[in-house]
Amino acid sequence: MPASPAIQLQQVALQMANEILEQAVNLKPELQEIKLRQAQIEAQLESAHLCHQRIRNFRSEIDGNLQCPGCWIHNETEVALTPISSDAKDDLFRCGRCGHAVEIQVGLP
């Protein structure tokens, strides 16, 4: 003899509730990833906002040393560029901190 309609509905409701709870458990890691990505995006937006302020204060040369634009724009840090040897006619420089390479054109094309 089948269970009463009330008991059958209780069983369906219990099954639905269990499925929803199982989905919720699986959503927690996804939500953590979304929050992490949100924090990364917010940091990028803040950095973009700050770069406009930082460019106003960028000094391309300090005490005769060319300065890394990347270190200044990203971290507001003054780091001298180091000349690197090259066969090119233009001068090449690299930042020892961030690794950013810069090519400085010299003379006429």
C-alpha atoms as a PDB file:
ATOM      1  CA  MET A   1       0.000   0.000   0.000  1.00  0.00           C
ATOM      2  CA  PRO A   2       1.464   3.364  -1.016  1.00  0.00           C
ATOM      3  CA  ALA A   3       2.153   6.064   1.548  1.00  0.00           C
ATOM      4  CA  SER A   4      -0.445   8.739   2.028  1.00  0.00           C
ATOM      5  CA  PRO A   5      -0.326  11.823  -0.240  1.00  0.00           C
ATOM      6  CA  ALA A   6       0.841  13.941   2.709  1.00  0.00           C
ATOM      7  CA  ILE A   7       3.790  11.619   3.386  1.00  0.00           C
ATOM      8  CA  GLN A   8       4.662  11.459  -0.319  1.00  0.00           C
ATOM      9  CA  LEU A   9       4.688  15.258  -0.503  1.00  0.00           C
ATOM     10  CA  GLN A  10       6.889  15.393   2.626  1.00  0.00           C
ATOM     11  CA  GLN A  11       9.354  13.032   0.921  1.00  0.00           C
ATOM     12  CA  VAL A  12       9.398  15.166  -2.244  1.00  0.00           C
ATOM     13  CA  ALA A  13       9.929  18.317  -0.168  1.00  0.00           C
ATOM     14  CA  LEU A  14      12.759  16.634   1.767  1.00  0.00           C
ATOM     15  CA  GLN A  15      14.428  15.526  -1.479  1.00  0.00           C
ATOM     16  CA  MET A  16      14.141  19.052  -2.893  1.00  0.00           C
ATOM     17  CA  ALA A  17      15.614  20.553   0.283  1.00  0.00           C
ATOM     18  CA  ASN A  18      18.535  18.106   0.207  1.00  0.00           C
ATOM     19  CA  GLU A  19      19.258  18.966  -3.446  1.00  0.00           C
ATOM     20  CA  ILE A  20      19.240  22.686  -2.647  1.00  0.00           C
ATOM     21  CA  LEU A  21      21.586  22.193   0.309  1.00  0.00           C
ATOM     22  CA  GLU A  22      23.956  20.134  -1.849  1.00  0.00           C
ATOM     23  CA  GLN A  23      24.000  22.899  -4.457  1.00  0.00           C
ATOM     24  CA  ALA A  24      24.701  25.470  -1.743  1.00  0.00           C
ATOM     25  CA  VAL A  25      27.729  23.513  -0.529  1.00  0.00           C
ATOM     26  CA  ASN A  26      29.085  23.485  -4.081  1.00  0.00           C
ATOM     27  CA  LEU A  27      28.498  27.238  -4.430  1.00  0.00           C
ATOM     28  CA  LYS A  28      30.720  28.244  -1.498  1.00  0.00           C
ATOM     29  CA  PRO A  29      34.053  27.719  -3.312  1.00  0.00           C
ATOM     30  CA  GLU A  30      32.655  29.516  -6.348  1.00  0.00           C
ATOM     31  CA  LEU A  31      31.634  32.454  -4.186  1.00  0.00           C
ATOM     32  CA  GLN A  32      35.142  32.593  -2.672  1.00  0.00           C
ATOM     33  CA  GLU A  33      36.619  32.741  -6.197  1.00  0.00           C
ATOM     34  CA  ILE A  34      34.230  35.544  -7.117  1.00  0.00           C
ATOM     35  CA  LYS A  35      35.197  37.522  -4.001  1.00  0.00           C
ATOM     36  CA  LEU A  36      38.890  37.055  -4.782  1.00  0.00           C
ATOM     37  CA  ARG A  37      38.351  38.225  -8.364  1.00  0.00           C
ATOM     38  CA  GLN A  38      36.353  41.209  -7.081  1.00  0.00           C
ATOM     39  CA  ALA A  39      39.241  42.208  -4.813  1.00  0.00           C
ATOM     40  CA  GLN A  40      41.652  41.916  -7.747  1.00  0.00           C
ATOM     41  CA  ILE A  41      39.421  44.093  -9.940  1.00  0.00           C
ATOM     42  CA  GLU A  42      39.043  46.690  -7.191  1.00  0.00           C
ATOM     43  CA  ALA A  43      42.838  46.804  -6.785  1.00  0.00           C
ATOM     44  CA  GLN A  44      43.251  47.317 -10.540  1.00  0.00           C
ATOM     45  CA  LEU A  45      40.691  50.115 -10.516  1.00  0.00           C
ATOM     46  CA  GLU A  46      42.465  51.807  -7.605  1.00  0.00           C
ATOM     47  CA  SER A  47      45.792  51.450  -9.400  1.00  0.00           C
ATOM     48  CA  ALA A  48      44.287  52.977 -12.544  1.00  0.00           C
ATOM     49  CA  HIS A  49      43.021  55.892 -10.499  1.00  0.00           C
ATOM     50  CA  LEU A  50      46.412  56.378  -8.845  1.00  0.00           C
ATOM     51  CA  CYS A  51      48.397  56.223 -12.092  1.00  0.00           C
ATOM     52  CA  HIS A  52      46.935  59.564 -13.193  1.00  0.00           C
ATOM     53  CA  GLN A  53      48.167  61.141  -9.986  1.00  0.00           C
ATOM     54  CA  ARG A  54      51.535  59.413 -10.189  1.00  0.00           C
ATOM     55  CA  ILE A  55      52.282  60.440 -13.775  1.00  0.00           C
ATOM     56  CA  ARG A  56      52.119  64.074 -12.667  1.00  0.00           C
ATOM     57  CA  ASN A  57      54.963  63.425 -10.219  1.00  0.00           C
ATOM     58  CA  PHE A  58      57.100  61.129 -12.381  1.00  0.00           C
ATOM     59  CA  ARG A  59      60.687  62.292 -12.752  1.00  0.00           C
ATOM     60  CA  SER A  60      62.272  60.548 -15.719  1.00  0.00           C
ATOM     61  CA  GLU A  61      65.770  61.353 -14.532  1.00  0.00           C
ATOM     62  CA  ILE A  62      67.110  61.627 -10.992  1.00  0.00           C
ATOM     63  CA  ASP A  63      70.755  62.497 -10.331  1.00  0.00           C
ATOM     64  CA  GLY A  64      71.641  61.643 -13.933  1.00  0.00           C
ATOM     65  CA  ASN A  65      69.961  58.222 -13.823  1.00  0.00           C
ATOM     66  CA  LEU A  66      66.969  57.369 -15.984  1.00  0.00           C
ATOM     67  CA  GLN A  67      64.095  56.114 -13.853  1.00  0.00           C
ATOM     68  CA  CYS A  68      61.836  53.089 -14.391  1.00  0.00           C
ATOM     69  CA  PRO A  69      58.378  54.302 -15.397  1.00  0.00           C
ATOM     70  CA  GLY A  70      56.821  50.943 -14.431  1.00  0.00           C
ATOM     71  CA  CYS A  71      58.036  51.005 -10.840  1.00  0.00           C
ATOM     72  CA  TRP A  72      56.849  54.574 -10.432  1.00  0.00           C
ATOM     73  CA  ILE A  73      53.412  54.110 -12.005  1.00  0.00           C
ATOM     74  CA  HIS A  74      52.694  50.789 -10.262  1.00  0.00           C
ATOM     75  CA  ASN A  75      54.335  51.357  -6.879  1.00  0.00           C
ATOM     76  CA  GLU A  76      55.416  55.004  -6.721  1.00  0.00           C
ATOM     77  CA  THR A  77      59.001  53.768  -6.314  1.00  0.00           C
ATOM     78  CA  GLU A  78      62.067  55.451  -7.766  1.00  0.00           C
ATOM     79  CA  VAL A  79      64.311  52.815  -9.370  1.00  0.00           C
ATOM     80  CA  ALA A  80      67.164  53.624 -11.728  1.00  0.00           C
ATOM     81  CA  LEU A  81      67.259  51.849 -15.075  1.00  0.00           C
ATOM     82  CA  THR A  82      70.399  49.908 -15.971  1.00  0.00           C
ATOM     83  CA  PRO A  83      71.845  50.126 -19.496  1.00  0.00           C
ATOM     84  CA  ILE A  84      71.977  46.782 -21.282  1.00  0.00           C
ATOM     85  CA  SER A  85      74.188  45.984 -24.224  1.00  0.00           C
ATOM     86  CA  SER A  86      72.549  45.773 -27.597  1.00  0.00           C
ATOM     87  CA  ASP A  87      73.401  45.670 -31.276  1.00  0.00           C
ATOM     88  CA  ALA A  88      70.543  48.077 -31.973  1.00  0.00           C
ATOM     89  CA  LYS A  89      71.287  51.702 -32.698  1.00  0.00           C
ATOM     90  CA  ASP A  90      68.978  52.806 -29.896  1.00  0.00           C
ATOM     91  CA  ASP A  91      69.870  52.550 -26.203  1.00  0.00           C
ATOM     92  CA  LEU A  92      68.274  49.775 -24.160  1.00  0.00           C
ATOM     93  CA  PHE A  93      67.651  49.869 -20.427  1.00  0.00           C
ATOM     94  CA  ARG A  94      66.206  47.378 -17.970  1.00  0.00           C
ATOM     95  CA  CYS A  95      64.841  47.787 -14.480  1.00  0.00           C
ATOM     96  CA  GLY A  96      66.561  45.559 -11.940  1.00  0.00           C
ATOM     97  CA  ARG A  97      63.464  45.488  -9.759  1.00  0.00           C
ATOM     98  CA  CYS A  98      60.502  44.861 -12.084  1.00  0.00           C
ATOM     99  CA  GLY A  99      62.353  43.738 -15.220  1.00  0.00           C
ATOM    100  CA  HIS A 100      60.709  46.348 -17.434  1.00  0.00           C
ATOM    101  CA  ALA A 101      62.799  47.044 -20.544  1.00  0.00           C
ATOM    102  CA  VAL A 102      62.832  50.435 -22.240  1.00  0.00           C
ATOM    103  CA  GLU A 103      64.247  51.401 -25.615  1.00  0.00           C
ATOM    104  CA  ILE A 104      65.394  55.021 -25.867  1.00  0.00           C
ATOM    105  CA  GLN A 105      65.783  56.341 -29.390  1.00  0.00           C
ATOM    106  CA  VAL A 106      68.972  58.245 -30.030  1.00  0.00           C
ATOM    107  CA  GLY A 107      69.818  60.459 -32.957  1.00  0.00           C
ATOM    108  CA  LEU A 108      67.816  60.881 -36.127  1.00  0.00           C
ATOM    109  CA  PRO A 109      66.033  57.988 -37.827  1.00  0.00           C
END
